[in-house]
Amino acid sequence: ESSPTATAARSPAARASTDLPFRVIAVPWAITSVPGMRDKSCVRSSVIPETHFARFTTPKYQNDNPLQRALIRRFVARLGLMFLDACPVTSVLEVGCGQGFVLGWLSERFPSTRFVGVELSADDLAQCAREFPRIETCCGSAYDLGRLTGQHFDLVLCAEVLEHLDRPLAALDQMLALSPSQLILTVPHEPWF
């Protein structure tokens, strides 16, 4: 069995990122804990309630399929664990925040953290702002994050977005240009989710 670091080292992005100011970790889908993590029971036991799903108009979150909801809950809980592992975090940028499903969930659990969401869809961003007024919203493209230059982000999060982009490396370059302390990237684990 390979370690997360060894797994990351084999990927093209990891090989190209050996000089990055943060660590690259590949997290296997079935992972339940990462060695050295502090107690994360507050996130692991924090089940996303049905009322959270009801705040969104996206078909993915309106689907009542219990298996799909369980997978979404597991995914967000694991993102929460990675978020805690990145702590201390005082500022977070999510690139491609959509209507704020992940960022909203985090913002309600970490009220002293500044959250900023970038989204191309003005309608999704308006929904995010209505549901989560603490989140600073910015309408824009993952390919052009220049308007955020000069702002410091301890963590940049890009969840389930890169697979939709024609030029994911260009978007990654934009995220890296912001010089975040840490970066969390996720893509779907096909064909499971």
C-alpha atoms as a PDB file:
ATOM      1  CA  GLU A   1       0.000   0.000   0.000  1.00  0.00           C
ATOM      2  CA  SER A   2       1.411   3.363  -0.931  1.00  0.00           C
ATOM      3  CA  SER A   3       1.511   6.354   1.370  1.00  0.00           C
ATOM      4  CA  PRO A   4      -0.383   9.542   0.463  1.00  0.00           C
ATOM      5  CA  THR A   5       2.915  11.289  -0.227  1.00  0.00           C
ATOM      6  CA  ALA A   6       4.097   8.504  -2.516  1.00  0.00           C
ATOM      7  CA  THR A   7       0.773   8.562  -4.348  1.00  0.00           C
ATOM      8  CA  ALA A   8       1.033  12.320  -4.834  1.00  0.00           C
ATOM      9  CA  ALA A   9       4.611  12.064  -6.032  1.00  0.00           C
ATOM     10  CA  ARG A  10       3.559   9.864  -8.962  1.00  0.00           C
ATOM     11  CA  SER A  11       0.967  12.293 -10.299  1.00  0.00           C
ATOM     12  CA  PRO A  12       2.043  14.825 -12.979  1.00  0.00           C
ATOM     13  CA  ALA A  13       0.749  17.750 -10.930  1.00  0.00           C
ATOM     14  CA  ALA A  14       2.702  16.620  -7.881  1.00  0.00           C
ATOM     15  CA  ARG A  15       5.892  16.164  -9.889  1.00  0.00           C
ATOM     16  CA  ALA A  16       5.475  19.711 -11.203  1.00  0.00           C
ATOM     17  CA  SER A  17       4.788  21.048  -7.718  1.00  0.00           C
ATOM     18  CA  THR A  18       7.929  20.039  -5.832  1.00  0.00           C
ATOM     19  CA  ASP A  19       8.820  23.706  -5.279  1.00  0.00           C
ATOM     20  CA  LEU A  20       5.376  24.725  -4.028  1.00  0.00           C
ATOM     21  CA  PRO A  21       5.109  26.401  -0.611  1.00  0.00           C
ATOM     22  CA  PHE A  22       2.613  23.789   0.597  1.00  0.00           C
ATOM     23  CA  ARG A  23       2.438  20.020   0.815  1.00  0.00           C
ATOM     24  CA  VAL A  24       0.647  17.881  -1.747  1.00  0.00           C
ATOM     25  CA  ILE A  25      -1.407  15.053  -0.301  1.00  0.00           C
ATOM     26  CA  ALA A  26      -3.411  12.538  -2.283  1.00  0.00           C
ATOM     27  CA  VAL A  27      -6.284  11.387  -0.110  1.00  0.00           C
ATOM     28  CA  PRO A  28      -7.637   7.930  -0.992  1.00  0.00           C
ATOM     29  CA  TRP A  29     -11.442   7.870  -1.222  1.00  0.00           C
ATOM     30  CA  ALA A  30     -11.838   5.280   1.534  1.00  0.00           C
ATOM     31  CA  ILE A  31      -9.588   7.049   4.021  1.00  0.00           C
ATOM     32  CA  THR A  32     -11.032   7.577   7.491  1.00  0.00           C
ATOM     33  CA  SER A  33      -8.095   9.348   9.115  1.00  0.00           C
ATOM     34  CA  VAL A  34      -4.725  10.780   8.226  1.00  0.00           C
ATOM     35  CA  PRO A  35      -1.753  10.030  10.509  1.00  0.00           C
ATOM     36  CA  GLY A  36      -0.968  12.937  12.807  1.00  0.00           C
ATOM     37  CA  MET A  37      -4.419  14.517  12.611  1.00  0.00           C
ATOM     38  CA  ARG A  38      -5.819  16.047  15.771  1.00  0.00           C
ATOM     39  CA  ASP A  39      -9.196  14.852  17.049  1.00  0.00           C
ATOM     40  CA  LYS A  40     -11.733  15.794  14.401  1.00  0.00           C
ATOM     41  CA  SER A  41     -14.861  14.341  16.002  1.00  0.00           C
ATOM     42  CA  CYS A  42     -16.623  17.721  15.843  1.00  0.00           C
ATOM     43  CA  VAL A  43     -16.606  17.553  12.025  1.00  0.00           C
ATOM     44  CA  ARG A  44     -16.866  13.799  11.625  1.00  0.00           C
ATOM     45  CA  SER A  45     -19.986  13.664  13.806  1.00  0.00           C
ATOM     46  CA  SER A  46     -21.506  16.816  12.303  1.00  0.00           C
ATOM     47  CA  VAL A  47     -24.116  15.366   9.982  1.00  0.00           C
ATOM     48  CA  ILE A  48     -25.422  17.714   7.330  1.00  0.00           C
ATOM     49  CA  PRO A  49     -29.118  18.112   8.152  1.00  0.00           C
ATOM     50  CA  GLU A  50     -31.898  17.881   5.601  1.00  0.00           C
ATOM     51  CA  THR A  51     -32.510  21.599   6.150  1.00  0.00           C
ATOM     52  CA  HIS A  52     -29.066  22.334   4.653  1.00  0.00           C
ATOM     53  CA  PHE A  53     -29.965  20.457   1.452  1.00  0.00           C
ATOM     54  CA  ALA A  54     -33.266  22.343   1.278  1.00  0.00           C
ATOM     55  CA  ARG A  55     -31.408  25.674   0.937  1.00  0.00           C
ATOM     56  CA  PHE A  56     -30.216  24.839  -2.594  1.00  0.00           C
ATOM     57  CA  THR A  57     -31.902  24.684  -5.980  1.00  0.00           C
ATOM     58  CA  THR A  58     -29.181  22.586  -7.646  1.00  0.00           C
ATOM     59  CA  PRO A  59     -30.672  19.223  -8.774  1.00  0.00           C
ATOM     60  CA  LYS A  60     -27.778  17.365  -7.119  1.00  0.00           C
ATOM     61  CA  TYR A  61     -28.827  18.669  -3.704  1.00  0.00           C
ATOM     62  CA  GLN A  62     -32.576  18.460  -4.369  1.00  0.00           C
ATOM     63  CA  ASN A  63     -32.322  14.735  -5.164  1.00  0.00           C
ATOM     64  CA  ASP A  64     -33.915  12.755  -2.299  1.00  0.00           C
ATOM     65  CA  ASN A  65     -31.955   9.571  -3.055  1.00  0.00           C
ATOM     66  CA  PRO A  66     -30.617   8.505   0.372  1.00  0.00           C
ATOM     67  CA  LEU A  67     -27.468   6.956  -1.113  1.00  0.00           C
ATOM     68  CA  GLN A  68     -26.604  10.152  -2.987  1.00  0.00           C
ATOM     69  CA  ARG A  69     -27.212  12.209   0.155  1.00  0.00           C
ATOM     70  CA  ALA A  70     -25.026   9.843   2.191  1.00  0.00           C
ATOM     71  CA  LEU A  71     -22.194  10.205  -0.343  1.00  0.00           C
ATOM     72  CA  ILE A  72     -22.512  14.008  -0.303  1.00  0.00           C
ATOM     73  CA  ARG A  73     -22.482  14.020   3.502  1.00  0.00           C
ATOM     74  CA  ARG A  74     -19.397  11.789   3.577  1.00  0.00           C
ATOM     75  CA  PHE A  75     -17.630  13.974   1.023  1.00  0.00           C
ATOM     76  CA  VAL A  76     -18.331  17.219   2.909  1.00  0.00           C
ATOM     77  CA  ALA A  77     -17.360  15.632   6.235  1.00  0.00           C
ATOM     78  CA  ARG A  78     -14.012  14.610   4.736  1.00  0.00           C
ATOM     79  CA  LEU A  79     -13.508  18.116   3.366  1.00  0.00           C
ATOM     80  CA  GLY A  80     -14.203  19.329   6.892  1.00  0.00           C
ATOM     81  CA  LEU A  81     -11.490  17.024   8.218  1.00  0.00           C
ATOM     82  CA  MET A  82      -9.025  18.356   5.656  1.00  0.00           C
ATOM     83  CA  PHE A  83     -10.059  21.890   6.620  1.00  0.00           C
ATOM     84  CA  LEU A  84      -9.322  21.152  10.276  1.00  0.00           C
ATOM     85  CA  ASP A  85      -5.992  19.601   9.332  1.00  0.00           C
ATOM     86  CA  ALA A  86      -5.128  22.883   7.587  1.00  0.00           C
ATOM     87  CA  CYS A  87      -5.869  24.920  10.729  1.00  0.00           C
ATOM     88  CA  PRO A  88      -5.184  27.489  11.902  1.00  0.00           C
ATOM     89  CA  VAL A  89      -7.097  29.076   9.042  1.00  0.00           C
ATOM     90  CA  THR A  90      -8.326  32.658   9.235  1.00  0.00           C
ATOM     91  CA  SER A  91      -9.291  33.117   5.567  1.00  0.00           C
ATOM     92  CA  VAL A  92     -10.652  30.724   2.938  1.00  0.00           C
ATOM     93  CA  LEU A  93     -11.282  31.178  -0.779  1.00  0.00           C
ATOM     94  CA  GLU A  94     -13.432  28.651  -2.620  1.00  0.00           C
ATOM     95  CA  VAL A  95     -13.036  28.747  -6.394  1.00  0.00           C
ATOM     96  CA  GLY A  96     -16.254  27.548  -8.014  1.00  0.00           C
ATOM     97  CA  CYS A  97     -18.384  27.811  -4.868  1.00  0.00           C
ATOM     98  CA  GLY A  98     -21.690  27.396  -6.706  1.00  0.00           C
ATOM     99  CA  GLN A  99     -24.595  28.165  -4.402  1.00  0.00           C
ATOM    100  CA  GLY A 100     -22.356  27.690  -1.361  1.00  0.00           C
ATOM    101  CA  PHE A 101     -23.058  24.127  -0.273  1.00  0.00           C
ATOM    102  CA  VAL A 102     -19.550  23.445   1.066  1.00  0.00           C
ATOM    103  CA  LEU A 103     -18.506  27.003   1.902  1.00  0.00           C
ATOM    104  CA  GLY A 104     -21.805  27.691   3.657  1.00  0.00           C
ATOM    105  CA  TRP A 105     -21.488  24.549   5.755  1.00  0.00           C
ATOM    106  CA  LEU A 106     -17.949  25.509   6.786  1.00  0.00           C
ATOM    107  CA  SER A 107     -18.859  29.164   7.421  1.00  0.00           C
ATOM    108  CA  GLU A 108     -21.550  28.190   9.890  1.00  0.00           C
ATOM    109  CA  ARG A 109     -19.126  25.983  11.841  1.00  0.00           C
ATOM    110  CA  PHE A 110     -16.190  28.402  11.879  1.00  0.00           C
ATOM    111  CA  PRO A 111     -17.653  31.869  12.547  1.00  0.00           C
ATOM    112  CA  SER A 112     -14.297  33.543  13.182  1.00  0.00           C
ATOM    113  CA  THR A 113     -12.944  32.562   9.744  1.00  0.00           C
ATOM    114  CA  ARG A 114     -13.301  34.841   6.711  1.00  0.00           C
ATOM    115  CA  PHE A 115     -14.871  33.042   3.728  1.00  0.00           C
ATOM    116  CA  VAL A 116     -14.792  34.245   0.109  1.00  0.00           C
ATOM    117  CA  GLY A 117     -16.492  32.453  -2.779  1.00  0.00           C
ATOM    118  CA  VAL A 118     -15.796  32.902  -6.495  1.00  0.00           C
ATOM    119  CA  GLU A 119     -18.369  31.632  -8.968  1.00  0.00           C
ATOM    120  CA  LEU A 120     -19.008  32.238 -12.666  1.00  0.00           C
ATOM    121  CA  SER A 121     -22.805  31.959 -12.356  1.00  0.00           C
ATOM    122  CA  ALA A 122     -24.304  35.207 -11.042  1.00  0.00           C
ATOM    123  CA  ASP A 123     -27.530  33.361 -10.143  1.00  0.00           C
ATOM    124  CA  ASP A 124     -25.682  30.774  -8.038  1.00  0.00           C
ATOM    125  CA  LEU A 125     -23.680  33.525  -6.365  1.00  0.00           C
ATOM    126  CA  ALA A 126     -26.853  35.457  -5.515  1.00  0.00           C
ATOM    127  CA  GLN A 127     -28.285  32.297  -3.917  1.00  0.00           C
ATOM    128  CA  CYS A 128     -25.069  31.861  -1.922  1.00  0.00           C
ATOM    129  CA  ALA A 129     -25.207  35.469  -0.695  1.00  0.00           C
ATOM    130  CA  ARG A 130     -28.881  35.112   0.325  1.00  0.00           C
ATOM    131  CA  GLU A 131     -28.328  31.890   2.271  1.00  0.00           C
ATOM    132  CA  PHE A 132     -24.914  32.722   3.745  1.00  0.00           C
ATOM    133  CA  PRO A 133     -24.510  36.496   4.226  1.00  0.00           C
ATOM    134  CA  ARG A 134     -21.144  36.026   5.993  1.00  0.00           C
ATOM    135  CA  ILE A 135     -19.568  34.748   2.760  1.00  0.00           C
ATOM    136  CA  GLU A 136     -18.002  37.454   0.616  1.00  0.00           C
ATOM    137  CA  THR A 137     -18.948  36.687  -2.983  1.00  0.00           C
ATOM    138  CA  CYS A 138     -17.157  37.534  -6.199  1.00  0.00           C
ATOM    139  CA  CYS A 139     -18.511  36.806  -9.667  1.00  0.00           C
ATOM    140  CA  GLY A 140     -15.638  35.592 -11.793  1.00  0.00           C
ATOM    141  CA  SER A 141     -13.821  32.825 -13.590  1.00  0.00           C
ATOM    142  CA  ALA A 142     -11.331  30.311 -12.239  1.00  0.00           C
ATOM    143  CA  TYR A 143      -9.153  31.448 -15.143  1.00  0.00           C
ATOM    144  CA  ASP A 144      -8.995  35.031 -13.851  1.00  0.00           C
ATOM    145  CA  LEU A 145      -8.567  35.486 -10.099  1.00  0.00           C
ATOM    146  CA  GLY A 146      -6.559  38.688 -10.555  1.00  0.00           C
ATOM    147  CA  ARG A 147      -9.124  40.826  -8.719  1.00  0.00           C
ATOM    148  CA  LEU A 148      -8.181  38.916  -5.551  1.00  0.00           C
ATOM    149  CA  THR A 149      -4.468  39.705  -5.869  1.00  0.00           C
ATOM    150  CA  GLY A 150      -3.175  41.305  -2.713  1.00  0.00           C
ATOM    151  CA  GLN A 151      -5.643  39.475  -0.486  1.00  0.00           C
ATOM    152  CA  HIS A 152      -4.213  36.730   1.716  1.00  0.00           C
ATOM    153  CA  PHE A 153      -5.890  33.342   1.921  1.00  0.00           C
ATOM    154  CA  ASP A 154      -4.661  30.695   4.326  1.00  0.00           C
ATOM    155  CA  LEU A 155      -6.581  28.128   2.320  1.00  0.00           C
ATOM    156  CA  VAL A 156      -7.837  27.934  -1.255  1.00  0.00           C
ATOM    157  CA  LEU A 157     -10.452  25.266  -1.876  1.00  0.00           C
ATOM    158  CA  CYS A 158     -11.514  24.043  -5.306  1.00  0.00           C
ATOM    159  CA  ALA A 159     -13.960  21.159  -4.933  1.00  0.00           C
ATOM    160  CA  GLU A 160     -15.401  19.260  -7.887  1.00  0.00           C
ATOM    161  CA  VAL A 161     -14.603  22.046 -10.374  1.00  0.00           C
ATOM    162  CA  LEU A 162     -11.400  21.180 -12.242  1.00  0.00           C
ATOM    163  CA  GLU A 163     -13.043  18.351 -14.207  1.00  0.00           C
ATOM    164  CA  HIS A 164     -15.436  20.897 -15.763  1.00  0.00           C
ATOM    165  CA  LEU A 165     -12.657  23.147 -17.098  1.00  0.00           C
ATOM    166  CA  ASP A 166     -11.057  22.994 -20.537  1.00  0.00           C
ATOM    167  CA  ARG A 167      -7.793  24.330 -19.075  1.00  0.00           C
ATOM    168  CA  PRO A 168      -7.546  23.111 -15.465  1.00  0.00           C
ATOM    169  CA  LEU A 169      -3.820  23.888 -15.237  1.00  0.00           C
ATOM    170  CA  ALA A 170      -4.501  27.527 -16.147  1.00  0.00           C
ATOM    171  CA  ALA A 171      -7.018  27.703 -13.294  1.00  0.00           C
ATOM    172  CA  LEU A 172      -4.519  26.057 -10.959  1.00  0.00           C
ATOM    173  CA  ASP A 173      -1.922  28.664 -11.967  1.00  0.00           C
ATOM    174  CA  GLN A 174      -4.404  31.389 -10.990  1.00  0.00           C
ATOM    175  CA  MET A 175      -4.943  29.788  -7.581  1.00  0.00           C
ATOM    176  CA  LEU A 176      -1.205  29.411  -7.007  1.00  0.00           C
ATOM    177  CA  ALA A 177      -0.633  33.053  -8.002  1.00  0.00           C
ATOM    178  CA  LEU A 178      -2.582  34.014  -4.864  1.00  0.00           C
ATOM    179  CA  SER A 179       0.148  32.301  -2.784  1.00  0.00           C
ATOM    180  CA  PRO A 180      -2.179  30.468  -0.406  1.00  0.00           C
ATOM    181  CA  SER A 181      -0.681  28.759   2.612  1.00  0.00           C
ATOM    182  CA  GLN A 182      -2.614  25.601   1.692  1.00  0.00           C
ATOM    183  CA  LEU A 183      -4.657  24.321  -1.231  1.00  0.00           C
ATOM    184  CA  ILE A 184      -7.346  21.632  -1.267  1.00  0.00           C
ATOM    185  CA  LEU A 185      -8.366  20.294  -4.684  1.00  0.00           C
ATOM    186  CA  THR A 186     -10.919  17.557  -5.277  1.00  0.00           C
ATOM    187  CA  VAL A 187     -12.306  15.859  -8.375  1.00  0.00           C
ATOM    188  CA  PRO A 188     -15.044  13.191  -8.537  1.00  0.00           C
ATOM    189  CA  HIS A 189     -14.201   9.597  -7.777  1.00  0.00           C
ATOM    190  CA  GLU A 190     -15.791   8.098 -10.859  1.00  0.00           C
ATOM    191  CA  PRO A 191     -17.768   5.935 -11.293  1.00  0.00           C
ATOM    192  CA  TRP A 192     -18.793   6.011  -7.654  1.00  0.00           C
ATOM    193  CA  PHE A 193     -19.481   9.706  -7.229  1.00  0.00           C
END
